[in-house]
Protein backbone atom coordinates (compact mmCIF):
# COMPACT_ATOMS: atom_id res chain seq x y z
CA UNK A 1 45.37 -21.91 -3.45
CA UNK A 2 45.19 -18.94 -1.10
CA UNK A 3 44.76 -15.22 -2.16
CA UNK A 4 44.93 -13.00 1.35
CA UNK A 5 42.91 -8.94 0.75
CA UNK A 6 45.40 -7.26 3.65
CA UNK A 7 43.96 -4.95 5.49
CA UNK A 8 45.17 -3.13 8.59
CA UNK A 9 42.60 -4.37 11.79
CA UNK A 10 41.63 -7.25 9.30
CA UNK A 11 42.26 -9.78 6.93
CA UNK A 12 40.00 -11.86 4.52
CA UNK A 13 41.44 -15.27 3.08
CA UNK A 14 40.29 -17.33 0.49
CA UNK A 15 40.60 -20.27 -0.98
CA UNK A 16 39.31 -21.92 -4.00
CA UNK A 17 39.28 -25.70 -5.00
CA UNK A 18 38.60 -25.77 -9.22
CA UNK A 19 37.78 -28.66 -10.24
CA UNK A 20 37.07 -29.93 -14.34
CA UNK A 21 33.30 -29.80 -14.45
CA UNK A 22 31.86 -27.45 -11.82
CA UNK A 23 32.05 -24.30 -10.05
CA UNK A 24 35.06 -23.48 -7.88
CA UNK A 25 34.72 -24.30 -4.36
CA UNK A 26 35.27 -21.64 -2.67
CA UNK A 27 36.41 -21.07 1.79
CA UNK A 28 37.44 -18.01 3.57
CA UNK A 29 38.13 -17.36 7.08
CA UNK A 30 39.21 -13.64 8.99
CA UNK A 31 42.07 -12.56 10.96
CA UNK A 32 40.78 -9.75 13.25
CA UNK A 33 43.88 -8.79 15.22
CA UNK A 34 45.92 -10.93 14.11
CA UNK A 35 43.49 -14.05 15.51
CA UNK A 36 42.05 -15.86 12.48
CA UNK A 37 38.58 -16.37 12.46
CA UNK A 38 36.63 -19.57 10.52
CA UNK A 39 33.62 -19.18 8.18
CA UNK A 40 32.06 -21.42 11.49
CA UNK A 41 33.56 -18.99 14.16
CA UNK A 42 31.88 -16.20 12.19
CA UNK A 43 29.26 -17.59 12.61
CA UNK A 44 29.26 -18.30 15.66
CA UNK A 45 30.26 -14.89 16.53
CA UNK A 46 27.32 -13.56 14.29
CA UNK A 47 24.89 -16.16 16.78
CA UNK A 48 26.51 -14.61 20.39
CA UNK A 49 26.45 -11.24 19.35
CA UNK A 50 29.25 -8.95 21.16
CA UNK A 51 30.03 -11.64 23.58
CA UNK A 52 31.63 -14.04 21.22
CA UNK A 53 33.32 -11.32 19.75
CA UNK A 54 35.07 -9.64 22.69
CA UNK A 55 36.62 -13.58 22.94
CA UNK A 56 38.81 -13.31 20.28
CA UNK A 57 39.68 -9.82 20.26
CA UNK A 58 42.27 -8.60 22.92
CA UNK A 59 40.73 -5.06 23.13
CA UNK A 60 37.60 -6.42 24.26
CA UNK A 61 36.83 -7.34 28.20
CA UNK A 62 36.68 -11.35 28.05
CA UNK A 63 34.01 -10.88 31.45
CA UNK A 64 31.09 -8.99 32.07
CA UNK A 65 31.85 -5.95 34.12
CA UNK A 66 29.04 -3.93 36.02
CA UNK A 67 29.55 -0.94 34.69
CA UNK A 68 31.25 -0.31 31.48
CA UNK A 69 32.92 3.21 30.36
CA UNK A 70 31.82 5.11 27.70
CA UNK A 71 35.36 4.09 25.78
CA UNK A 72 34.50 0.63 26.40
CA UNK A 73 30.86 0.93 24.76
CA UNK A 74 32.56 2.96 22.13
CA UNK A 75 33.99 -0.67 21.00
CA UNK A 76 31.36 -2.62 21.71
CA UNK A 77 29.90 -0.46 19.19
CA UNK A 78 32.52 -1.02 16.98
CA UNK A 79 32.41 -4.56 17.22
CA UNK A 80 28.84 -5.03 16.54
CA UNK A 81 29.36 -3.02 13.07
CA UNK A 82 32.81 -4.49 12.22
CA UNK A 83 31.10 -8.03 12.44
CA UNK A 84 28.23 -6.56 9.85
CA UNK A 85 30.86 -4.60 7.28
CA UNK A 86 32.98 -7.71 7.10
CA UNK A 87 30.11 -10.42 6.51
CA UNK A 88 29.39 -7.67 3.68
CA UNK A 89 32.74 -7.74 2.52
CA UNK A 90 33.04 -11.56 2.44
CA UNK A 91 29.45 -11.90 0.03
CA UNK A 92 31.18 -9.59 -2.52
CA UNK A 93 34.06 -11.32 -2.12
CA UNK A 94 32.81 -14.93 -2.28
CA UNK A 95 28.73 -14.69 -2.90
CA UNK A 96 26.34 -15.86 -1.12
CA UNK A 97 26.14 -19.05 0.88
CA UNK A 98 23.97 -20.06 4.00
CA UNK A 99 26.77 -19.21 6.59
CA UNK A 100 26.82 -15.57 4.79
CA UNK A 101 23.31 -15.25 5.25
CA UNK A 102 23.39 -16.19 8.41
CA UNK A 103 25.81 -13.70 9.18
CA UNK A 104 23.82 -10.75 8.10
CA UNK A 105 20.90 -11.88 9.30
CA UNK A 106 22.47 -12.42 12.96
CA UNK A 107 24.02 -9.84 13.23
CA UNK A 108 21.47 -6.95 11.98
CA UNK A 109 19.11 -8.79 15.17
CA UNK A 110 22.30 -8.28 17.34
CA UNK A 111 21.72 -4.43 16.64
CA UNK A 112 17.76 -4.31 16.08
CA UNK A 113 17.43 -6.31 20.00
CA UNK A 114 20.38 -3.53 20.80
CA UNK A 115 18.47 -0.57 19.97
CA UNK A 116 15.33 -1.62 20.96
CA UNK A 117 16.47 -3.17 24.58
CA UNK A 118 18.77 -0.76 25.35
CA UNK A 119 17.65 2.72 25.70
CA UNK A 120 20.90 3.98 26.26
CA UNK A 121 23.35 2.42 23.33
CA UNK A 122 24.10 4.30 21.15
CA UNK A 123 25.21 3.09 17.30
CA UNK A 124 27.48 6.16 16.45
CA UNK A 125 30.47 4.79 14.52
CA UNK A 126 29.06 3.59 11.42
CA UNK A 127 26.13 1.95 11.57
CA UNK A 128 23.96 3.97 8.94
CA UNK A 129 26.90 3.59 6.15
CA UNK A 130 26.98 -0.28 6.96
CA UNK A 131 22.99 -0.37 7.27
CA UNK A 132 23.28 0.95 3.32
CA UNK A 133 26.00 -0.94 2.69
CA UNK A 134 24.00 -4.03 3.41
CA UNK A 135 21.32 -3.13 1.67
CA UNK A 136 23.47 -2.70 -1.96
CA UNK A 137 24.46 -5.71 -1.57
CA UNK A 138 21.31 -7.65 -0.83
CA UNK A 139 20.41 -5.97 -3.84
CA UNK A 140 23.72 -6.45 -6.20
CA UNK A 141 23.85 -10.19 -5.27
CA UNK A 142 20.12 -10.89 -4.14
CA UNK A 143 19.14 -12.58 -7.33
CA UNK A 144 21.54 -15.44 -7.80
CA UNK A 145 18.56 -18.23 -7.75
CA UNK A 146 19.73 -19.56 -4.03
CA UNK A 147 17.14 -21.43 -2.37
CA UNK A 148 17.72 -19.76 1.19
CA UNK A 149 17.79 -16.32 -0.28
CA UNK A 150 14.00 -15.63 0.23
CA UNK A 151 13.25 -17.11 3.33
CA UNK A 152 16.43 -15.44 5.29
CA UNK A 153 16.04 -12.21 2.44
CA UNK A 154 13.10 -11.39 4.15
CA UNK A 155 13.96 -11.37 7.74
CA UNK A 156 16.75 -9.44 6.69
CA UNK A 157 14.77 -6.78 5.01
CA UNK A 158 12.20 -6.73 8.04
CA UNK A 159 15.23 -5.67 10.46
CA UNK A 160 16.48 -3.28 7.91
CA UNK A 161 13.66 -1.56 8.35
CA UNK A 162 13.32 -1.67 11.83
CA UNK A 163 17.24 -0.41 12.30
CA UNK A 164 16.22 2.06 10.15
CA UNK A 165 12.96 3.37 11.84
CA UNK A 166 14.88 3.82 15.28
CA UNK A 167 18.17 5.12 13.15
CA UNK A 168 15.07 7.69 12.16
CA UNK A 169 16.03 7.13 8.34
CA UNK A 170 12.74 5.14 7.68
CA UNK A 171 9.60 6.20 8.12
CA UNK A 172 6.45 4.45 8.96
CA UNK A 173 5.25 5.83 5.84
CA UNK A 174 8.11 4.03 4.26
CA UNK A 175 7.44 0.73 4.97
CA UNK A 176 5.06 -2.23 3.57
CA UNK A 177 1.45 -2.47 4.52
CA UNK A 178 1.10 -5.59 6.95
CA UNK A 179 0.97 -9.11 5.42
CA UNK A 180 -2.11 -9.43 2.96
CA UNK A 181 -3.30 -12.87 3.97
CA UNK A 182 -4.69 -13.68 6.99
CA UNK A 183 -6.05 -17.29 8.40
CA UNK A 184 -8.88 -16.99 6.90
CA UNK A 185 -7.28 -16.22 3.32
CA UNK A 186 -8.88 -13.19 3.07
CA UNK A 187 -6.73 -10.30 1.91
CA UNK A 188 -5.65 -6.39 2.74
CA UNK A 189 -4.90 -3.90 0.06
CA UNK A 190 -4.54 -1.34 1.50
CA UNK A 191 -4.46 1.25 -1.30
CA UNK A 192 -8.59 -0.80 -2.24
CA UNK A 193 -11.67 1.24 -0.55
CA UNK A 194 -14.10 -0.78 1.17
CA UNK A 195 -16.17 -0.68 -1.74
CA UNK A 196 -13.91 -1.73 -4.65
CA UNK A 197 -14.72 -4.23 -7.37
CA UNK A 198 -12.32 -7.10 -9.08
CA UNK A 199 -13.05 -7.39 -12.51
CA UNK A 200 -11.52 -10.43 -14.52
CA UNK A 201 -12.04 -10.16 -18.37
CA UNK A 202 -11.56 -13.17 -20.52
CA UNK A 203 -9.02 -15.35 -17.03
CA UNK A 204 -7.07 -11.56 -16.79
CA UNK A 205 -7.69 -9.62 -13.99
CA UNK A 206 -8.10 -6.17 -14.61
CA UNK A 207 -6.18 -2.91 -13.44
CA UNK A 208 -7.76 0.07 -14.34
CA UNK A 209 -6.73 3.95 -13.56
CA UNK A 210 -10.53 4.35 -11.73
CA UNK A 211 -10.99 1.02 -10.43
CA UNK A 212 -14.58 -0.35 -10.61
CA UNK A 213 -16.84 0.35 -7.43
CA UNK A 214 -20.62 0.15 -6.10
CA UNK A 215 -22.59 3.20 -5.95
CA UNK A 216 -25.98 2.82 -4.07
CA UNK A 217 -26.44 -1.24 -4.20
CA UNK A 218 -25.28 -0.86 -8.13
CA UNK A 219 -21.71 -2.26 -9.30
CA UNK A 220 -20.42 0.82 -12.13
CA UNK A 221 -17.19 -0.24 -13.97
CA UNK A 222 -14.95 1.84 -16.10
CA UNK A 223 -16.76 1.86 -19.47
CA UNK A 224 -13.52 3.14 -21.96
CA UNK A 225 -11.49 0.50 -20.22
CA UNK A 226 -13.95 -2.32 -20.37
CA UNK A 227 -15.33 -1.52 -23.88
CA UNK A 228 -11.97 -0.67 -25.40
CA UNK A 229 -10.85 -4.80 -24.27
CA UNK A 230 -14.33 -5.97 -25.74
CA UNK A 231 -13.41 -4.57 -28.87
CA UNK A 232 -14.98 -1.40 -28.67
CA UNK A 233 -14.04 1.85 -30.34
CA UNK A 234 -14.63 5.19 -27.66
CA UNK A 235 -15.01 8.30 -28.71
CA UNK A 236 -16.04 11.62 -26.21
CA UNK A 237 -17.82 14.65 -26.77
CA UNK A 238 -17.14 17.03 -24.13
CA UNK A 239 -19.30 19.63 -24.96
CA UNK A 240 -22.73 17.39 -24.95
CA UNK A 241 -21.33 15.19 -22.91
CA UNK A 242 -22.09 11.81 -25.10
CA UNK A 243 -20.14 8.82 -24.97
CA UNK A 244 -20.31 6.82 -28.25
CA UNK A 245 -19.28 3.47 -28.83
CA UNK A 246 -18.70 1.52 -31.64
CA UNK A 247 -17.75 -2.41 -32.59
CA UNK A 248 -18.73 -3.81 -35.43
CA UNK A 249 -22.46 -2.82 -36.40
CA UNK A 250 -23.43 -2.64 -32.71
CA UNK A 251 -23.52 1.55 -31.92
CA UNK A 252 -24.02 2.63 -28.34
CA UNK A 253 -24.56 6.06 -27.16
CA UNK A 254 -24.53 7.08 -23.56
CA UNK A 255 -25.12 10.46 -22.22
CA UNK A 256 -23.55 11.01 -18.69
CA UNK A 257 -25.78 11.78 -15.96
CA UNK A 258 -28.71 9.88 -17.47
CA UNK A 259 -29.64 6.33 -17.25
CA UNK A 260 -30.91 5.81 -20.59
CA UNK A 261 -28.42 4.38 -23.69
CA UNK A 262 -29.22 3.97 -27.36
CA UNK A 263 -28.30 1.34 -28.31
CA UNK A 264 -28.67 0.61 -32.66
CA UNK A 265 -31.28 3.33 -32.00
CA UNK A 266 -33.11 1.70 -29.30
CA UNK A 267 -33.63 2.82 -25.51
CA UNK A 268 -32.01 0.28 -23.23
CA UNK A 269 -32.97 1.82 -19.25
CA UNK A 270 -29.82 1.10 -17.50
CA UNK A 271 -29.97 0.32 -13.70
CA UNK A 272 -28.06 3.44 -12.69
CA UNK A 273 -27.66 6.55 -14.30
CA UNK A 274 -24.24 6.88 -16.39
CA UNK A 275 -22.20 9.40 -14.36
CA UNK A 276 -17.76 10.69 -14.28
CA UNK A 277 -15.81 9.15 -11.63
CA UNK A 278 -12.41 11.14 -11.87
CA UNK A 279 -12.76 11.50 -15.51
CA UNK A 280 -14.13 8.37 -16.13
CA UNK A 281 -16.98 7.35 -17.27
CA UNK A 282 -18.73 4.96 -14.95
CA UNK A 283 -21.65 2.38 -16.04
CA UNK A 284 -23.77 -0.22 -14.53
CA UNK A 285 -21.46 -3.32 -14.39
CA UNK A 286 -24.96 -5.32 -16.80
CA UNK A 287 -24.68 -2.25 -19.31
CA UNK A 288 -21.64 -4.47 -20.48
CA UNK A 289 -23.42 -7.82 -21.49
CA UNK A 290 -26.61 -5.63 -22.74
CA UNK A 291 -24.50 -3.68 -25.27
CA UNK A 292 -21.97 -5.85 -26.47
CA UNK A 293 -23.10 -9.14 -25.74
CA UNK A 294 -20.21 -10.26 -23.33
CA UNK A 295 -21.40 -12.70 -20.68
CA UNK A 296 -21.28 -11.00 -16.60
CA UNK A 297 -20.76 -13.11 -13.74
CA UNK A 298 -21.19 -11.63 -10.06
CA UNK A 299 -19.53 -13.52 -7.02
CA UNK A 300 -21.11 -11.76 -4.38
CA UNK A 301 -18.77 -13.74 -1.71
CA UNK A 302 -14.98 -11.83 -3.39
CA UNK A 303 -16.82 -8.85 -4.88
CA UNK A 304 -15.57 -9.97 -8.56
CA UNK A 305 -16.86 -9.54 -11.69
CA UNK A 306 -16.40 -11.87 -14.37
CA UNK A 307 -16.20 -11.31 -17.84
CA UNK A 308 -16.37 -13.17 -21.20
CA UNK A 309 -16.33 -11.28 -24.33
CA UNK A 310 -17.50 -14.48 -26.03
CA UNK A 311 -20.63 -14.50 -24.17
CA UNK A 312 -20.36 -18.20 -22.94
CA UNK A 313 -21.63 -18.59 -19.15
CA UNK A 314 -18.72 -20.81 -17.64
CA UNK A 315 -16.42 -17.98 -17.65
CA UNK A 316 -12.72 -19.23 -17.44
CA UNK A 317 -13.37 -22.87 -16.87
CA UNK A 318 -11.44 -23.98 -20.01
CA UNK A 319 -9.62 -27.51 -19.14
CA UNK A 320 -9.52 -30.11 -16.76
CA UNK A 321 -6.50 -31.08 -15.30
CA UNK A 322 -5.93 -33.62 -12.10
CA UNK A 323 -9.49 -33.37 -11.81
CA UNK A 324 -9.46 -29.52 -11.47
CA UNK A 325 -11.07 -26.87 -13.62
CA UNK A 326 -8.26 -24.54 -14.33
CA UNK A 327 -8.48 -20.98 -16.28
CA UNK A 328 -4.94 -20.65 -17.30
CA UNK A 329 -3.64 -22.95 -19.76
CA UNK A 330 -2.57 -26.18 -17.61
CA UNK A 331 -1.67 -24.87 -14.49
CA UNK A 332 -3.01 -25.86 -11.48
CA UNK A 333 -0.54 -24.11 -8.73
CA UNK A 334 0.24 -27.67 -7.48
CA UNK A 335 -3.56 -27.49 -5.51
CA UNK A 336 -5.36 -31.00 -4.35
CA UNK A 337 -7.97 -30.44 -5.03
CA UNK A 338 -10.78 -27.25 -6.60
CA UNK A 339 -11.26 -26.00 -3.24
CA UNK A 340 -7.60 -25.39 -3.02
CA UNK A 341 -7.09 -23.53 -6.64
CA UNK A 342 -10.39 -21.40 -6.36
CA UNK A 343 -8.88 -20.72 -2.97
CA UNK A 344 -5.80 -18.98 -4.29
CA UNK A 345 -7.26 -17.54 -7.55
CA UNK A 346 -9.67 -15.32 -4.86
CA UNK A 347 -6.95 -14.51 -2.66
CA UNK A 348 -4.65 -13.20 -6.25
CA UNK A 349 -7.44 -11.72 -7.73
CA UNK A 350 -7.74 -9.31 -5.13
CA UNK A 351 -4.53 -8.63 -4.54
CA UNK A 352 -4.30 -7.79 -8.23
CA UNK A 353 -7.56 -5.47 -8.15
CA UNK A 354 -5.38 -3.33 -5.64
CA UNK A 355 -2.77 -2.93 -8.93
CA UNK A 356 -0.70 0.50 -8.40
CA UNK A 357 2.22 1.21 -9.98
CA UNK A 358 2.81 3.58 -7.03
CA UNK A 359 4.81 0.52 -5.37
CA UNK A 360 7.31 0.39 -8.59
CA UNK A 361 10.14 0.89 -6.37
CA UNK A 362 8.61 1.33 -3.29
CA UNK A 363 10.39 4.29 -1.51
CA UNK A 364 12.30 4.81 -4.48
CA UNK A 365 9.74 5.33 -6.95
CA UNK A 366 11.17 8.67 -8.26
CA UNK A 367 14.55 7.29 -8.83
CA UNK A 368 13.02 4.00 -10.47
CA UNK A 369 11.77 6.05 -13.05
CA UNK A 370 14.64 8.12 -13.82
CA UNK A 371 16.73 5.12 -13.39
CA UNK A 372 14.10 4.18 -16.64
CA UNK A 373 14.01 7.20 -18.40
CA UNK A 374 17.97 7.34 -18.55
CA UNK A 375 20.02 8.51 -15.27
CA UNK A 376 22.57 6.09 -13.99
CA UNK A 377 23.84 5.93 -10.43
CA UNK A 378 27.21 7.77 -10.10
CA UNK A 379 29.57 4.14 -9.79
CA UNK A 380 30.81 5.68 -6.48
CA UNK A 381 29.94 3.84 -3.93
CA UNK A 382 30.85 6.78 -0.73
CA UNK A 383 27.76 8.36 -2.79
CA UNK A 384 25.64 7.75 0.37
CA UNK A 385 22.54 10.27 -1.28
CA UNK A 386 19.09 8.26 -1.74
CA UNK A 387 18.90 9.32 -5.32
CA UNK A 388 22.26 7.52 -5.83
CA UNK A 389 21.59 4.40 -3.89
CA UNK A 390 18.14 4.14 -5.63
CA UNK A 391 19.92 4.21 -9.30
CA UNK A 392 21.75 1.74 -7.81
CA UNK A 393 19.13 -0.27 -6.90
CA UNK A 394 17.37 -0.16 -10.08
CA UNK A 395 20.03 -1.00 -11.96
CA UNK A 396 21.08 -3.93 -10.05
CA UNK A 397 16.89 -5.17 -10.00
CA UNK A 398 15.94 -3.66 -13.60
CA UNK A 399 19.22 -4.07 -15.75
CA UNK A 400 18.41 -6.76 -17.80
CA UNK A 401 15.19 -6.01 -18.89
CA UNK A 402 16.73 -2.23 -19.67
CA UNK A 403 19.31 -4.08 -21.50
CA UNK A 404 16.79 -6.76 -23.65
CA UNK A 405 15.14 -3.79 -25.19
CA UNK A 406 11.93 -4.00 -22.64
CA UNK A 407 9.46 -1.09 -23.16
CA UNK A 408 9.21 1.40 -20.04
CA UNK A 409 5.44 0.54 -20.00
CA UNK A 410 6.26 -2.86 -19.68
CA UNK A 411 8.72 -2.79 -17.17
CA UNK A 412 6.70 -0.51 -14.64
CA UNK A 413 4.12 -3.45 -15.02
CA UNK A 414 6.20 -6.26 -14.44
CA UNK A 415 8.29 -5.01 -11.33
CA UNK A 416 4.58 -3.95 -10.03
CA UNK A 417 3.54 -7.39 -10.12
CA UNK A 418 6.59 -8.80 -8.48
CA UNK A 419 5.74 -6.50 -6.01
CA UNK A 420 2.36 -7.62 -5.24
CA UNK A 421 3.47 -11.13 -5.78
CA UNK A 422 6.02 -10.96 -2.87
CA UNK A 423 3.19 -8.89 -0.59
CA UNK A 424 1.41 -12.10 -0.96
CA UNK A 425 4.03 -14.11 0.04
CA UNK A 426 5.10 -12.36 3.15
CA UNK A 427 4.38 -13.49 6.45
CA UNK A 428 4.77 -17.55 5.15
CA UNK A 429 7.81 -19.17 6.27
CA UNK A 430 10.35 -22.06 5.33
CA UNK A 431 10.20 -24.97 7.25
CA UNK A 432 13.74 -26.08 5.25
CA UNK A 433 12.15 -29.56 4.85
CA UNK A 434 11.47 -29.93 1.22
CA UNK A 435 7.40 -30.21 2.14
CA UNK A 436 5.91 -26.97 0.82
CA UNK A 437 4.54 -27.90 -2.54
CA UNK A 438 1.60 -25.44 -4.12
CA UNK A 439 0.67 -21.72 -3.92
CA UNK A 440 -2.05 -23.06 -1.34
CA UNK A 441 0.69 -24.49 1.04
CA UNK A 442 2.07 -20.49 0.98
CA UNK A 443 -1.42 -18.79 0.81
CA UNK A 444 -3.90 -20.23 2.62
CA UNK A 445 -2.92 -23.02 4.07
CA UNK A 446 -2.33 -22.91 8.57
CA UNK A 447 0.50 -22.40 8.79
CA UNK A 448 1.42 -20.69 5.75
CA UNK A 449 4.44 -22.37 4.53
CA UNK A 450 7.08 -21.98 1.71
CA UNK A 451 10.03 -22.68 0.17
CA UNK A 452 11.44 -22.52 -3.89
CA UNK A 453 8.45 -24.41 -5.55
CA UNK A 454 5.52 -22.58 -3.52
CA UNK A 455 7.20 -19.36 -4.79
CA UNK A 456 7.27 -20.17 -7.84
CA UNK A 457 4.07 -21.18 -8.21
CA UNK A 458 2.92 -17.89 -6.69
CA UNK A 459 4.06 -15.95 -9.21
CA UNK A 460 3.61 -18.13 -12.07
CA UNK A 461 -0.29 -17.46 -10.85
CA UNK A 462 0.06 -13.52 -10.23
CA UNK A 463 1.74 -13.91 -13.94
CA UNK A 464 -0.74 -15.81 -15.17
CA UNK A 465 -3.81 -13.70 -14.39
CA UNK A 466 -2.50 -10.73 -15.91
CA UNK A 467 -2.32 -12.11 -19.33
CA UNK A 468 1.55 -13.35 -19.11
CA UNK A 469 2.73 -16.52 -20.26
CA UNK A 470 4.71 -18.48 -17.44
CA UNK A 471 6.39 -21.91 -16.83
CA UNK A 472 8.81 -23.12 -13.72
CA UNK A 473 11.90 -24.79 -14.24
CA UNK A 474 13.92 -27.05 -11.24
CA UNK A 475 17.23 -28.73 -11.57
CA UNK A 476 19.63 -29.25 -8.29
CA UNK A 477 16.96 -29.17 -5.96
CA UNK A 478 15.57 -25.79 -6.53
CA UNK A 479 12.76 -23.97 -8.28
CA UNK A 480 12.33 -20.97 -10.27
CA UNK A 481 9.14 -19.20 -11.98
CA UNK A 482 10.12 -18.22 -15.41
CA UNK A 483 8.31 -15.39 -17.31
CA UNK A 484 7.21 -14.57 -20.71
CA UNK A 485 8.27 -10.18 -21.15
CA UNK A 486 8.01 -9.35 -24.93
CA UNK A 487 9.02 -12.44 -26.14
CA UNK A 488 12.09 -13.38 -23.93
CA UNK A 489 12.53 -15.38 -21.10
CA UNK A 490 13.52 -13.99 -17.28
CA UNK A 491 13.40 -15.15 -14.23
CA UNK A 492 12.50 -13.06 -11.14
CA UNK A 493 14.89 -13.14 -7.84
CA UNK A 494 14.37 -10.94 -4.98
CA UNK A 495 12.96 -8.10 -7.32
CA UNK A 496 16.26 -8.70 -9.86
CA UNK A 497 14.76 -9.77 -13.08
CA UNK A 498 17.40 -11.95 -15.23
CA UNK A 499 17.09 -12.86 -18.67
CA UNK A 500 17.17 -16.67 -19.06
CA UNK A 501 18.41 -18.61 -21.84
CA UNK A 502 16.23 -21.80 -21.28
CA UNK A 503 18.03 -24.11 -23.84
CA UNK A 504 21.30 -23.94 -22.19
CA UNK A 505 19.76 -24.75 -19.17
CA UNK A 506 18.17 -27.30 -20.21
CA UNK A 507 21.11 -29.14 -21.80
CA UNK A 508 22.73 -28.45 -17.77
CA UNK A 509 20.66 -30.81 -16.46
CA UNK A 510 17.33 -28.57 -15.75
CA UNK A 511 14.03 -29.53 -16.98
CA UNK A 512 10.82 -28.36 -17.40
CA UNK A 513 8.89 -28.86 -14.20
CA UNK A 514 5.48 -26.41 -15.04
CA UNK A 515 4.97 -26.01 -19.14
CA UNK A 516 4.60 -22.68 -20.60
CA UNK A 517 0.92 -21.34 -19.91
CA UNK A 518 0.40 -21.42 -23.89
CA UNK A 519 0.95 -24.67 -23.95
CA UNK A 520 4.20 -24.25 -25.84
CA UNK A 521 7.36 -26.52 -25.50
CA UNK A 522 10.56 -25.07 -25.20
CA UNK A 523 13.26 -26.62 -27.85
């Protein structure tokens, strides 16, 4: 079956072979100026840049000349941009493949190299539009679960940012911070101050509007957030500046700027005065134990406070799996030993301590929020306004969550957590040999390596630590994390959340690689 798509200068020819029990296999070739280019040749064009294209086009010189005219430079500009746009068109028509990804990545690299190394080289014909089209197609088609997507996708996104910087359409403030994990497995969180402290309650990392901090040697934690998490009711009297907390038969009275609290009528000396920071009442960490009987453990190496509401000393260590003490279900995240497990947990805890909802949507934050409030893109791809593009991205990534009735607050949270997970994976490379297996391989090994298995383990870890139920499903030489969100299972690929019918996936040959955190079994 052959179906040519006609254009004055370029034609895209596609053929599809259909069999009864499998998806159609499609191939394509391009005809440019009357000359046919196969998909292999198209890949070579991308690898070879302008010279490879020039050799196939009668409009371009077939050998170098010492001083190209402005008209000849203009033709070269057309060639690079045209190659990119033809590759985008191919993806829109036939979907992702390793070859189409190669074309996209290599063309972007060729353009970026030109902008970097040749000051006199100016792209004036459609490059900005081509960059926007690339971002749109990445957003629209980036969630199909292709194994190669993340390895290539990271490179594509980084190169797009570099090109936009050089074109002046992206400022340094829009670019993500450097990779959060260095070779010593320490995490750099740009949004966290040096004196901030991580808090883990009953095995879940907490994200407070006002983080816990260290002041004059005392660890101060937000009283309302923690006490309510532990089941207490909080009341505030603005006139007297008194906080009253009630849990069962326990009544705690605390006055701002005083170091004495009253617990059931008995005075208790605090290690530091209660104080207000950004409108939040902060109390010494130890007071949580003294007031509510919770067990508190401090890890100075990671500046993390562990709080166990049950009052046990072994916070969160509840199961032994393959000789490893684990905190969340039976998930080891592929760790080979306790040291690897503890290392990745510390890395994720530190990253989650920098939880910041401004990560939601990144530079398109305001448009993502507008999308959740009901705004939609115009449907016109020629509308290149920042708002229309931002709404398009939001719909591509969050559409399933919205259609399935997930709350606005929950969507913001899960998309922000996905950004944190991707930040953790940033900098790891895919050796393409199937060797990466664990979160440790992706976050702390030297060199850091990842593929779909390690990616899934990292996502499972991040979402487990924030109280979600996660599992990993595998099949057809690919693994993917599943996240239960308001009772439904979603996969998250390239920032796009997709609703998953797990039963149907299992019927079609997939299998459960890692059981849900809560120990349940899929039916």
